[in-house]
């Protein structure tokens, strides 16, 4: 017969270790996946702040089922975890994750959200979810913009190497789209430098005279730029809700980068 104790409460009223064990398993997979070498039990124990005896209880079934492999007292990812990952990628491609994240940003901010990818010296909107507000930023999938006058394009330039950035300015005629478009190279370089510091780009009327944009980078596993997540809004609302838009865009871009395998802080990451 089941009792409250048998359902997760010990004889002294202590809760089950189930959630803690789950957290340790997730942390274990994250640690082994990020490591560029095999790790010993002692190394895993120290990195996870978990006693060896407790860790062994988790490692044994994971190795038996093939999610991890043990070789000469070291551990590495096993074939089952790769099979698991491949199934996720096959059945749930990045586009479905992207649309889900974008939808959440629309709910949080009430504004139109776009995902832009680079196409040479222009950006293309590969995915768009419009706001439901009567007055809103309107864009269509497939529309392209010059790099220098769009929030997404400035993000692309901000994560170029210095050599690529110099080459871009050498070959590009900075033709304005609106009266607010910035066409001074030195001013653009200052903006690009600031984007690298703050992690986001903001444009005000540079591509559309009545609209503002907030762009943030999304990275692939190797640190290269996958694209830019952009929030587009009418000028007045964009200024009023600036903090909300930037915060939501950054958090969502981080989710997308993690989904692509990116881990911040690795040497050389974040540059094309």
C-alpha atoms as a PDB file:
ATOM      1  CA  UNK A   1       0.000   0.000   0.000  1.00  0.00           C
ATOM      2  CA  UNK A   2       1.328   3.444  -0.955  1.00  0.00           C
ATOM      3  CA  UNK A   3       1.971   6.003   1.739  1.00  0.00           C
ATOM      4  CA  UNK A   4       3.138   9.609   1.712  1.00  0.00           C
ATOM      5  CA  UNK A   5       6.590   8.326   2.635  1.00  0.00           C
ATOM      6  CA  UNK A   6       6.776   5.852  -0.252  1.00  0.00           C
ATOM      7  CA  UNK A   7       5.814   8.613  -2.695  1.00  0.00           C
ATOM      8  CA  UNK A   8       8.922  10.664  -1.998  1.00  0.00           C
ATOM      9  CA  UNK A   9       9.077  11.510   1.718  1.00  0.00           C
ATOM     10  CA  UNK A  10      11.659   9.695   3.796  1.00  0.00           C
ATOM     11  CA  UNK A  11      11.181   8.412   7.346  1.00  0.00           C
ATOM     12  CA  UNK A  12      12.531  11.671   8.756  1.00  0.00           C
ATOM     13  CA  UNK A  13      10.259  13.799   6.527  1.00  0.00           C
ATOM     14  CA  UNK A  14      13.056  14.465   3.995  1.00  0.00           C
ATOM     15  CA  UNK A  15      12.064  15.041   0.380  1.00  0.00           C
ATOM     16  CA  UNK A  16      13.258  12.695  -2.339  1.00  0.00           C
ATOM     17  CA  UNK A  17      16.599  13.336  -4.019  1.00  0.00           C
ATOM     18  CA  UNK A  18      14.901  12.877  -7.407  1.00  0.00           C
ATOM     19  CA  UNK A  19      15.013  16.526  -8.557  1.00  0.00           C
ATOM     20  CA  UNK A  20      18.623  16.897  -7.391  1.00  0.00           C
ATOM     21  CA  UNK A  21      19.612  13.734  -9.265  1.00  0.00           C
ATOM     22  CA  UNK A  22      17.920  15.045 -12.411  1.00  0.00           C
ATOM     23  CA  UNK A  23      19.770  18.346 -12.130  1.00  0.00           C
ATOM     24  CA  UNK A  24      23.040  16.458 -11.714  1.00  0.00           C
ATOM     25  CA  UNK A  25      22.373  14.330 -14.798  1.00  0.00           C
ATOM     26  CA  UNK A  26      21.634  17.407 -16.897  1.00  0.00           C
ATOM     27  CA  UNK A  27      24.736  19.167 -15.550  1.00  0.00           C
ATOM     28  CA  UNK A  28      26.769  16.029 -16.226  1.00  0.00           C
ATOM     29  CA  UNK A  29      25.716  15.865 -19.879  1.00  0.00           C
ATOM     30  CA  UNK A  30      26.350  19.583 -20.310  1.00  0.00           C
ATOM     31  CA  UNK A  31      29.830  19.257 -18.795  1.00  0.00           C
ATOM     32  CA  UNK A  32      30.861  16.223 -20.863  1.00  0.00           C
ATOM     33  CA  UNK A  33      29.435  17.762 -24.059  1.00  0.00           C
ATOM     34  CA  UNK A  34      31.429  20.968 -23.572  1.00  0.00           C
ATOM     35  CA  UNK A  35      34.678  19.206 -22.693  1.00  0.00           C
ATOM     36  CA  UNK A  36      37.194  18.691 -25.501  1.00  0.00           C
ATOM     37  CA  UNK A  37      38.626  15.617 -23.772  1.00  0.00           C
ATOM     38  CA  UNK A  38      37.573  12.624 -21.709  1.00  0.00           C
ATOM     39  CA  UNK A  39      37.074  13.262 -18.006  1.00  0.00           C
ATOM     40  CA  UNK A  40      37.870  11.118 -14.985  1.00  0.00           C
ATOM     41  CA  UNK A  41      35.503  10.447 -12.112  1.00  0.00           C
ATOM     42  CA  UNK A  42      37.517  12.805  -9.905  1.00  0.00           C
ATOM     43  CA  UNK A  43      37.311  15.598 -12.472  1.00  0.00           C
ATOM     44  CA  UNK A  44      33.568  15.134 -12.917  1.00  0.00           C
ATOM     45  CA  UNK A  45      33.050  15.016  -9.165  1.00  0.00           C
ATOM     46  CA  UNK A  46      34.984  18.241  -8.626  1.00  0.00           C
ATOM     47  CA  UNK A  47      33.386  20.107 -11.513  1.00  0.00           C
ATOM     48  CA  UNK A  48      29.863  19.120 -10.460  1.00  0.00           C
ATOM     49  CA  UNK A  49      30.507  19.476  -6.725  1.00  0.00           C
ATOM     50  CA  UNK A  50      29.098  16.000  -6.283  1.00  0.00           C
ATOM     51  CA  UNK A  51      30.544  13.177  -4.110  1.00  0.00           C
ATOM     52  CA  UNK A  52      32.088  10.351  -6.109  1.00  0.00           C
ATOM     53  CA  UNK A  53      29.794   7.791  -4.514  1.00  0.00           C
ATOM     54  CA  UNK A  54      26.678   9.741  -5.521  1.00  0.00           C
ATOM     55  CA  UNK A  55      28.057  10.370  -8.992  1.00  0.00           C
ATOM     56  CA  UNK A  56      28.769   6.687  -9.569  1.00  0.00           C
ATOM     57  CA  UNK A  57      25.111   5.925  -8.889  1.00  0.00           C
ATOM     58  CA  UNK A  58      24.273   8.135 -11.877  1.00  0.00           C
ATOM     59  CA  UNK A  59      27.153   7.094 -14.126  1.00  0.00           C
ATOM     60  CA  UNK A  60      26.521   3.339 -13.985  1.00  0.00           C
ATOM     61  CA  UNK A  61      23.050   3.263 -15.585  1.00  0.00           C
ATOM     62  CA  UNK A  62      24.041   5.946 -18.099  1.00  0.00           C
ATOM     63  CA  UNK A  63      27.015   3.903 -19.269  1.00  0.00           C
ATOM     64  CA  UNK A  64      25.027   0.649 -19.243  1.00  0.00           C
ATOM     65  CA  UNK A  65      22.409   2.194 -21.536  1.00  0.00           C
ATOM     66  CA  UNK A  66      25.008   3.753 -23.837  1.00  0.00           C
ATOM     67  CA  UNK A  67      24.400   7.415 -23.064  1.00  0.00           C
ATOM     68  CA  UNK A  68      27.965   7.596 -21.768  1.00  0.00           C
ATOM     69  CA  UNK A  69      31.026   5.444 -22.424  1.00  0.00           C
ATOM     70  CA  UNK A  70      33.785   4.534 -19.991  1.00  0.00           C
ATOM     71  CA  UNK A  71      37.311   4.008 -21.297  1.00  0.00           C
ATOM     72  CA  UNK A  72      40.325   3.580 -19.004  1.00  0.00           C
ATOM     73  CA  UNK A  73      38.562   5.240 -16.055  1.00  0.00           C
ATOM     74  CA  UNK A  74      37.466   8.224 -18.153  1.00  0.00           C
ATOM     75  CA  UNK A  75      34.024   9.137 -19.446  1.00  0.00           C
ATOM     76  CA  UNK A  76      32.788  10.459 -22.785  1.00  0.00           C
ATOM     77  CA  UNK A  77      29.490  10.724 -24.637  1.00  0.00           C
ATOM     78  CA  UNK A  78      28.077   7.426 -25.849  1.00  0.00           C
ATOM     79  CA  UNK A  79      26.213   6.457 -29.055  1.00  0.00           C
ATOM     80  CA  UNK A  80      22.751   6.646 -27.506  1.00  0.00           C
ATOM     81  CA  UNK A  81      23.082  10.346 -26.705  1.00  0.00           C
ATOM     82  CA  UNK A  82      24.073  11.087 -30.303  1.00  0.00           C
ATOM     83  CA  UNK A  83      21.103   9.051 -31.515  1.00  0.00           C
ATOM     84  CA  UNK A  84      18.919  11.024 -29.133  1.00  0.00           C
ATOM     85  CA  UNK A  85      20.303  14.336 -30.384  1.00  0.00           C
ATOM     86  CA  UNK A  86      19.878  13.326 -34.030  1.00  0.00           C
ATOM     87  CA  UNK A  87      16.249  12.400 -33.415  1.00  0.00           C
ATOM     88  CA  UNK A  88      15.618  15.823 -31.929  1.00  0.00           C
ATOM     89  CA  UNK A  89      17.278  17.600 -34.851  1.00  0.00           C
ATOM     90  CA  UNK A  90      15.388  15.491 -37.392  1.00  0.00           C
ATOM     91  CA  UNK A  91      11.942  15.809 -35.856  1.00  0.00           C
ATOM     92  CA  UNK A  92      12.286  19.298 -34.400  1.00  0.00           C
ATOM     93  CA  UNK A  93      14.409  21.415 -36.785  1.00  0.00           C
ATOM     94  CA  UNK A  94      15.708  24.835 -35.816  1.00  0.00           C
ATOM     95  CA  UNK A  95      12.919  26.603 -37.680  1.00  0.00           C
ATOM     96  CA  UNK A  96      10.289  25.198 -35.327  1.00  0.00           C
ATOM     97  CA  UNK A  97      12.323  26.280 -32.294  1.00  0.00           C
ATOM     98  CA  UNK A  98      12.866  29.686 -33.883  1.00  0.00           C
ATOM     99  CA  UNK A  99       9.156  30.255 -34.516  1.00  0.00           C
ATOM    100  CA  UNK A 100       8.302  29.217 -30.972  1.00  0.00           C
ATOM    101  CA  UNK A 101      10.825  31.615 -29.460  1.00  0.00           C
ATOM    102  CA  UNK A 102       9.748  34.436 -31.775  1.00  0.00           C
ATOM    103  CA  UNK A 103       6.103  33.920 -30.820  1.00  0.00           C
ATOM    104  CA  UNK A 104       7.010  34.285 -27.157  1.00  0.00           C
ATOM    105  CA  UNK A 105       8.828  37.565 -27.871  1.00  0.00           C
ATOM    106  CA  UNK A 106       5.742  38.889 -29.685  1.00  0.00           C
ATOM    107  CA  UNK A 107       3.661  38.028 -26.606  1.00  0.00           C
ATOM    108  CA  UNK A 108       6.150  39.666 -24.239  1.00  0.00           C
ATOM    109  CA  UNK A 109       6.628  42.888 -26.188  1.00  0.00           C
ATOM    110  CA  UNK A 110       3.515  43.187 -28.360  1.00  0.00           C
ATOM    111  CA  UNK A 111       5.771  44.014 -31.316  1.00  0.00           C
ATOM    112  CA  UNK A 112       6.743  42.422 -34.626  1.00  0.00           C
ATOM    113  CA  UNK A 113       9.679  40.005 -34.453  1.00  0.00           C
ATOM    114  CA  UNK A 114      11.961  38.996 -37.316  1.00  0.00           C
ATOM    115  CA  UNK A 115      14.897  36.706 -37.907  1.00  0.00           C
ATOM    116  CA  UNK A 116      17.445  37.967 -40.413  1.00  0.00           C
ATOM    117  CA  UNK A 117      20.313  36.185 -42.162  1.00  0.00           C
ATOM    118  CA  UNK A 118      23.165  37.647 -44.128  1.00  0.00           C
ATOM    119  CA  UNK A 119      23.228  37.526 -47.917  1.00  0.00           C
ATOM    120  CA  UNK A 120      26.450  39.149 -49.069  1.00  0.00           C
ATOM    121  CA  UNK A 121      26.250  42.857 -48.276  1.00  0.00           C
ATOM    122  CA  UNK A 122      22.551  42.707 -47.395  1.00  0.00           C
ATOM    123  CA  UNK A 123      20.327  41.036 -44.820  1.00  0.00           C
ATOM    124  CA  UNK A 124      17.247  38.989 -45.658  1.00  0.00           C
ATOM    125  CA  UNK A 125      14.282  38.421 -43.353  1.00  0.00           C
ATOM    126  CA  UNK A 126      13.943  34.640 -43.301  1.00  0.00           C
ATOM    127  CA  UNK A 127      11.132  34.546 -40.741  1.00  0.00           C
ATOM    128  CA  UNK A 128       8.589  37.147 -39.607  1.00  0.00           C
ATOM    129  CA  UNK A 129       5.833  37.127 -36.979  1.00  0.00           C
ATOM    130  CA  UNK A 130       3.877  40.376 -36.945  1.00  0.00           C
ATOM    131  CA  UNK A 131       2.378  42.095 -33.950  1.00  0.00           C
ATOM    132  CA  UNK A 132      -1.410  41.979 -33.636  1.00  0.00           C
ATOM    133  CA  UNK A 133      -1.603  45.674 -32.737  1.00  0.00           C
ATOM    134  CA  UNK A 134      -3.418  47.919 -35.253  1.00  0.00           C
ATOM    135  CA  UNK A 135      -0.342  50.133 -35.594  1.00  0.00           C
ATOM    136  CA  UNK A 136       2.675  47.887 -36.028  1.00  0.00           C
ATOM    137  CA  UNK A 137       5.914  47.284 -37.911  1.00  0.00           C
ATOM    138  CA  UNK A 138       5.101  45.401 -41.114  1.00  0.00           C
ATOM    139  CA  UNK A 139       7.617  43.248 -42.998  1.00  0.00           C
ATOM    140  CA  UNK A 140       7.514  40.287 -45.340  1.00  0.00           C
ATOM    141  CA  UNK A 141       9.653  37.170 -45.455  1.00  0.00           C
ATOM    142  CA  UNK A 142      12.279  37.520 -48.166  1.00  0.00           C
ATOM    143  CA  UNK A 143      12.602  41.307 -47.938  1.00  0.00           C
ATOM    144  CA  UNK A 144      16.224  42.469 -47.865  1.00  0.00           C
ATOM    145  CA  UNK A 145      17.976  45.545 -46.517  1.00  0.00           C
ATOM    146  CA  UNK A 146      21.483  47.055 -46.719  1.00  0.00           C
ATOM    147  CA  UNK A 147      23.694  46.113 -43.797  1.00  0.00           C
ATOM    148  CA  UNK A 148      24.614  49.619 -42.687  1.00  0.00           C
ATOM    149  CA  UNK A 149      21.110  51.019 -42.108  1.00  0.00           C
ATOM    150  CA  UNK A 150      19.247  48.122 -40.475  1.00  0.00           C
ATOM    151  CA  UNK A 151      19.488  46.796 -36.909  1.00  0.00           C
ATOM    152  CA  UNK A 152      20.088  43.262 -38.141  1.00  0.00           C
ATOM    153  CA  UNK A 153      22.690  44.415 -40.661  1.00  0.00           C
ATOM    154  CA  UNK A 154      24.622  46.392 -38.071  1.00  0.00           C
ATOM    155  CA  UNK A 155      24.688  43.259 -35.899  1.00  0.00           C
ATOM    156  CA  UNK A 156      26.224  41.360 -38.823  1.00  0.00           C
ATOM    157  CA  UNK A 157      28.890  44.037 -39.265  1.00  0.00           C
ATOM    158  CA  UNK A 158      29.602  44.194 -35.545  1.00  0.00           C
ATOM    159  CA  UNK A 159      30.638  40.534 -35.511  1.00  0.00           C
ATOM    160  CA  UNK A 160      32.757  40.714 -38.664  1.00  0.00           C
ATOM    161  CA  UNK A 161      36.522  40.554 -38.346  1.00  0.00           C
ATOM    162  CA  UNK A 162      38.294  43.936 -38.681  1.00  0.00           C
ATOM    163  CA  UNK A 163      39.572  42.876 -42.118  1.00  0.00           C
ATOM    164  CA  UNK A 164      36.088  41.986 -43.375  1.00  0.00           C
ATOM    165  CA  UNK A 165      34.672  45.206 -41.977  1.00  0.00           C
ATOM    166  CA  UNK A 166      37.333  47.293 -43.743  1.00  0.00           C
ATOM    167  CA  UNK A 167      36.640  45.476 -47.002  1.00  0.00           C
ATOM    168  CA  UNK A 168      32.905  46.101 -46.621  1.00  0.00           C
ATOM    169  CA  UNK A 169      33.330  49.856 -46.300  1.00  0.00           C
ATOM    170  CA  UNK A 170      35.810  49.951 -49.183  1.00  0.00           C
ATOM    171  CA  UNK A 171      33.338  48.405 -51.633  1.00  0.00           C
ATOM    172  CA  UNK A 172      30.035  49.776 -50.315  1.00  0.00           C
ATOM    173  CA  UNK A 173      28.317  52.957 -51.409  1.00  0.00           C
ATOM    174  CA  UNK A 174      26.431  54.184 -48.350  1.00  0.00           C
ATOM    175  CA  UNK A 175      23.229  55.301 -50.058  1.00  0.00           C
ATOM    176  CA  UNK A 176      20.577  56.388 -47.517  1.00  0.00           C
ATOM    177  CA  UNK A 177      17.131  54.784 -47.402  1.00  0.00           C
ATOM    178  CA  UNK A 178      15.614  57.629 -45.368  1.00  0.00           C
ATOM    179  CA  UNK A 179      16.647  61.057 -44.191  1.00  0.00           C
ATOM    180  CA  UNK A 180      17.690  59.439 -40.909  1.00  0.00           C
ATOM    181  CA  UNK A 181      20.039  56.870 -42.454  1.00  0.00           C
ATOM    182  CA  UNK A 182      23.589  57.243 -41.156  1.00  0.00           C
ATOM    183  CA  UNK A 183      26.044  57.322 -44.047  1.00  0.00           C
ATOM    184  CA  UNK A 184      29.185  58.593 -42.320  1.00  0.00           C
ATOM    185  CA  UNK A 185      31.676  55.728 -42.071  1.00  0.00           C
ATOM    186  CA  UNK A 186      33.242  56.969 -38.835  1.00  0.00           C
ATOM    187  CA  UNK A 187      29.836  57.290 -37.181  1.00  0.00           C
ATOM    188  CA  UNK A 188      28.908  53.788 -38.340  1.00  0.00           C
ATOM    189  CA  UNK A 189      32.169  52.376 -37.005  1.00  0.00           C
ATOM    190  CA  UNK A 190      31.440  53.959 -33.612  1.00  0.00           C
ATOM    191  CA  UNK A 191      27.976  52.394 -33.649  1.00  0.00           C
ATOM    192  CA  UNK A 192      29.439  49.012 -34.565  1.00  0.00           C
ATOM    193  CA  UNK A 193      31.968  49.233 -31.734  1.00  0.00           C
ATOM    194  CA  UNK A 194      29.169  50.086 -29.291  1.00  0.00           C
ATOM    195  CA  UNK A 195      27.119  47.095 -30.475  1.00  0.00           C
ATOM    196  CA  UNK A 196      30.016  44.793 -29.602  1.00  0.00           C
ATOM    197  CA  UNK A 197      30.063  46.273 -26.083  1.00  0.00           C
ATOM    198  CA  UNK A 198      26.317  46.285 -25.398  1.00  0.00           C
ATOM    199  CA  UNK A 199      25.331  43.160 -27.345  1.00  0.00           C
ATOM    200  CA  UNK A 200      22.548  44.817 -29.321  1.00  0.00           C
ATOM    201  CA  UNK A 201      21.912  47.263 -32.166  1.00  0.00           C
ATOM    202  CA  UNK A 202      19.273  49.995 -32.162  1.00  0.00           C
ATOM    203  CA  UNK A 203      18.151  51.946 -35.191  1.00  0.00           C
ATOM    204  CA  UNK A 204      15.672  54.827 -35.274  1.00  0.00           C
ATOM    205  CA  UNK A 205      14.062  55.639 -38.615  1.00  0.00           C
ATOM    206  CA  UNK A 206      17.098  54.577 -40.648  1.00  0.00           C
ATOM    207  CA  UNK A 207      15.362  51.957 -42.812  1.00  0.00           C
ATOM    208  CA  UNK A 208      11.748  53.107 -42.291  1.00  0.00           C
ATOM    209  CA  UNK A 209      11.216  56.694 -41.236  1.00  0.00           C
ATOM    210  CA  UNK A 210       8.495  55.831 -38.693  1.00  0.00           C
ATOM    211  CA  UNK A 211       9.992  52.638 -37.255  1.00  0.00           C
ATOM    212  CA  UNK A 212      12.752  51.593 -34.862  1.00  0.00           C
ATOM    213  CA  UNK A 213      14.542  48.266 -34.576  1.00  0.00           C
ATOM    214  CA  UNK A 214      16.410  46.326 -31.907  1.00  0.00           C
ATOM    215  CA  UNK A 215      18.762  43.598 -33.195  1.00  0.00           C
ATOM    216  CA  UNK A 216      20.709  40.963 -31.254  1.00  0.00           C
ATOM    217  CA  UNK A 217      23.116  38.262 -32.468  1.00  0.00           C
ATOM    218  CA  UNK A 218      22.392  34.533 -32.605  1.00  0.00           C
ATOM    219  CA  UNK A 219      25.472  32.278 -32.701  1.00  0.00           C
ATOM    220  CA  UNK A 220      26.168  28.792 -34.002  1.00  0.00           C
ATOM    221  CA  UNK A 221      28.096  26.173 -32.033  1.00  0.00           C
ATOM    222  CA  UNK A 222      31.407  27.257 -33.599  1.00  0.00           C
ATOM    223  CA  UNK A 223      30.837  30.884 -32.601  1.00  0.00           C
ATOM    224  CA  UNK A 224      29.999  32.136 -36.082  1.00  0.00           C
ATOM    225  CA  UNK A 225      26.936  34.307 -36.537  1.00  0.00           C
ATOM    226  CA  UNK A 226      23.785  32.394 -37.506  1.00  0.00           C
ATOM    227  CA  UNK A 227      21.682  35.522 -37.854  1.00  0.00           C
ATOM    228  CA  UNK A 228      20.032  38.309 -35.913  1.00  0.00           C
ATOM    229  CA  UNK A 229      16.801  38.375 -33.948  1.00  0.00           C
ATOM    230  CA  UNK A 230      15.069  41.721 -34.464  1.00  0.00           C
ATOM    231  CA  UNK A 231      12.165  43.516 -32.827  1.00  0.00           C
ATOM    232  CA  UNK A 232      10.551  46.157 -35.039  1.00  0.00           C
ATOM    233  CA  UNK A 233       8.189  48.763 -33.598  1.00  0.00           C
ATOM    234  CA  UNK A 234       6.688  52.207 -34.235  1.00  0.00           C
ATOM    235  CA  UNK A 235       9.012  54.934 -32.976  1.00  0.00           C
ATOM    236  CA  UNK A 236       6.995  56.073 -29.950  1.00  0.00           C
ATOM    237  CA  UNK A 237       6.387  52.569 -28.572  1.00  0.00           C
ATOM    238  CA  UNK A 238       9.962  51.529 -29.276  1.00  0.00           C
ATOM    239  CA  UNK A 239      11.296  54.392 -27.170  1.00  0.00           C
ATOM    240  CA  UNK A 240       8.771  53.829 -24.384  1.00  0.00           C
ATOM    241  CA  UNK A 241       9.430  50.084 -24.223  1.00  0.00           C
ATOM    242  CA  UNK A 242      13.113  50.121 -25.040  1.00  0.00           C
ATOM    243  CA  UNK A 243      14.268  48.255 -21.931  1.00  0.00           C
ATOM    244  CA  UNK A 244      11.596  45.570 -22.342  1.00  0.00           C
ATOM    245  CA  UNK A 245      12.463  45.031 -26.000  1.00  0.00           C
ATOM    246  CA  UNK A 246      16.212  44.804 -25.421  1.00  0.00           C
ATOM    247  CA  UNK A 247      15.830  42.452 -22.459  1.00  0.00           C
ATOM    248  CA  UNK A 248      13.392  40.159 -24.299  1.00  0.00           C
ATOM    249  CA  UNK A 249      15.485  40.134 -27.468  1.00  0.00           C
ATOM    250  CA  UNK A 250      18.713  39.282 -25.636  1.00  0.00           C
ATOM    251  CA  UNK A 251      17.151  36.490 -23.578  1.00  0.00           C
ATOM    252  CA  UNK A 252      15.496  34.948 -26.640  1.00  0.00           C
ATOM    253  CA  UNK A 253      18.636  35.186 -28.763  1.00  0.00           C
ATOM    254  CA  UNK A 254      20.526  33.411 -25.996  1.00  0.00           C
ATOM    255  CA  UNK A 255      17.944  30.602 -26.096  1.00  0.00           C
ATOM    256  CA  UNK A 256      18.360  30.253 -29.844  1.00  0.00           C
ATOM    257  CA  UNK A 257      22.163  30.260 -29.608  1.00  0.00           C
ATOM    258  CA  UNK A 258      22.056  27.521 -26.965  1.00  0.00           C
ATOM    259  CA  UNK A 259      19.710  25.519 -29.193  1.00  0.00           C
ATOM    260  CA  UNK A 260      22.342  25.725 -31.931  1.00  0.00           C
ATOM    261  CA  UNK A 261      25.023  24.442 -29.549  1.00  0.00           C
ATOM    262  CA  UNK A 262      26.712  27.734 -28.736  1.00  0.00           C
ATOM    263  CA  UNK A 263      28.359  28.063 -25.338  1.00  0.00           C
ATOM    264  CA  UNK A 264      29.508  31.596 -24.409  1.00  0.00           C
ATOM    265  CA  UNK A 265      32.973  32.175 -23.067  1.00  0.00           C
ATOM    266  CA  UNK A 266      34.904  29.838 -25.344  1.00  0.00           C
ATOM    267  CA  UNK A 267      38.056  31.249 -26.911  1.00  0.00           C
ATOM    268  CA  UNK A 268      37.535  32.554 -30.427  1.00  0.00           C
ATOM    269  CA  UNK A 269      33.741  32.404 -30.301  1.00  0.00           C
ATOM    270  CA  UNK A 270      31.555  35.238 -31.476  1.00  0.00           C
ATOM    271  CA  UNK A 271      33.597  36.266 -34.524  1.00  0.00           C
ATOM    272  CA  UNK A 272      33.061  35.356 -38.150  1.00  0.00           C
END
